[in-house]
């Protein structure tokens, strides 16, 4: 589906969250590419806000000049941290540094 959406709408990239299976990044840069990012969650207590974390971290990384792949990688790790907390949670820079 990601590849079809890339072609249909002429997007440069599409990031798909796949719950406990992680993320899929579909890119078009001369040719179509798919990169799967398996979930990084070690313990899952609450998935509330995991998707919001992915969007927020991905957007921040893109604004800072990261590639789509770098942004997806960091967003995936951030979501893995957040689901290990109870309730709507955030991830700190220090927490993210520890898992990288």
Protein backbone atom coordinates (compact mmCIF):
# COMPACT_ATOMS: atom_id res chain seq x y z
CA UNK A 1 0.00 0.00 0.00
CA UNK A 2 2.83 2.41 0.82
CA UNK A 3 4.38 2.03 -2.63
CA UNK A 4 1.02 2.59 -4.32
CA UNK A 5 0.45 5.78 -2.32
CA UNK A 6 3.94 7.05 -3.23
CA UNK A 7 3.15 6.62 -6.90
CA UNK A 8 -0.42 7.88 -6.79
CA UNK A 9 0.30 11.11 -4.91
CA UNK A 10 3.93 11.63 -5.93
CA UNK A 11 5.11 11.82 -2.30
CA UNK A 12 8.83 11.64 -1.50
CA UNK A 13 8.19 9.36 1.48
CA UNK A 14 5.47 7.75 3.58
CA UNK A 15 5.91 6.53 7.15
CA UNK A 16 3.46 3.86 8.32
CA UNK A 17 3.12 2.85 11.97
CA UNK A 18 2.46 -0.88 12.35
CA UNK A 19 1.78 -1.21 16.08
CA UNK A 20 3.78 -3.98 17.70
CA UNK A 21 5.53 -4.64 14.38
CA UNK A 22 7.25 -1.23 14.33
CA UNK A 23 7.37 1.17 11.38
CA UNK A 24 7.61 0.97 7.60
CA UNK A 25 9.23 3.74 5.61
CA UNK A 26 8.52 3.95 1.89
CA UNK A 27 10.76 6.31 -0.09
CA UNK A 28 11.04 7.42 -3.68
CA UNK A 29 14.43 8.83 -4.60
CA UNK A 30 14.96 7.78 -8.18
CA UNK A 31 13.67 4.32 -7.27
CA UNK A 32 11.19 2.93 -4.76
CA UNK A 33 12.61 1.77 -1.41
CA UNK A 34 10.99 0.11 1.61
CA UNK A 35 12.71 -0.02 5.00
CA UNK A 36 11.17 -1.87 7.94
CA UNK A 37 12.01 -0.77 11.47
CA UNK A 38 11.10 -3.55 13.94
CA UNK A 39 9.66 -2.39 17.24
CA UNK A 40 12.21 -1.29 19.81
CA UNK A 41 9.91 -1.68 22.82
CA UNK A 42 11.39 -3.86 25.54
CA UNK A 43 8.35 -3.74 27.81
CA UNK A 44 4.92 -2.48 26.87
CA UNK A 45 2.77 -0.94 29.59
CA UNK A 46 0.64 1.57 27.68
CA UNK A 47 0.54 2.43 23.97
CA UNK A 48 -1.27 5.73 24.56
CA UNK A 49 0.54 8.44 22.62
CA UNK A 50 2.96 6.14 20.80
CA UNK A 51 1.80 7.35 17.39
CA UNK A 52 1.94 10.96 18.54
CA UNK A 53 5.51 10.36 19.68
CA UNK A 54 6.41 8.96 16.27
CA UNK A 55 4.92 11.97 14.49
CA UNK A 56 6.53 14.48 16.86
CA UNK A 57 10.02 12.99 16.80
CA UNK A 58 9.88 12.35 13.05
CA UNK A 59 8.83 15.96 12.38
CA UNK A 60 11.50 17.35 14.72
CA UNK A 61 14.19 15.29 13.02
CA UNK A 62 13.05 16.37 9.56
CA UNK A 63 13.06 20.02 10.65
CA UNK A 64 16.61 19.54 11.94
CA UNK A 65 17.77 18.25 8.55
CA UNK A 66 17.73 14.48 9.12
CA UNK A 67 17.05 12.06 6.30
CA UNK A 68 13.74 10.19 6.21
CA UNK A 69 15.54 7.04 7.34
CA UNK A 70 17.32 8.77 10.25
CA UNK A 71 14.07 10.40 11.36
CA UNK A 72 12.18 7.09 11.25
CA UNK A 73 14.95 5.34 13.18
CA UNK A 74 14.86 7.89 16.01
CA UNK A 75 11.05 8.04 16.03
CA UNK A 76 10.88 4.27 16.35
CA UNK A 77 13.24 4.27 19.33
CA UNK A 78 11.32 7.13 20.97
CA UNK A 79 8.04 5.24 20.64
CA UNK A 80 9.70 2.18 22.16
CA UNK A 81 10.56 4.24 25.23
CA UNK A 82 7.12 5.83 25.58
CA UNK A 83 5.19 2.54 25.50
CA UNK A 84 7.31 1.38 28.44
CA UNK A 85 5.66 4.05 30.61
CA UNK A 86 2.16 4.17 32.08
CA UNK A 87 -0.24 6.77 30.70
CA UNK A 88 0.43 9.52 28.22
CA UNK A 89 4.18 10.01 28.42
CA UNK A 90 7.05 11.86 26.83
CA UNK A 91 10.60 10.88 25.98
CA UNK A 92 13.60 12.92 27.05
CA UNK A 93 16.77 13.52 25.08
CA UNK A 94 18.69 11.61 27.75
CA UNK A 95 16.38 8.57 27.48
CA UNK A 96 16.78 8.54 23.73
CA UNK A 97 20.58 8.84 23.97
CA UNK A 98 20.69 5.85 26.35
CA UNK A 99 19.02 3.49 23.88
CA UNK A 100 21.03 4.55 20.83
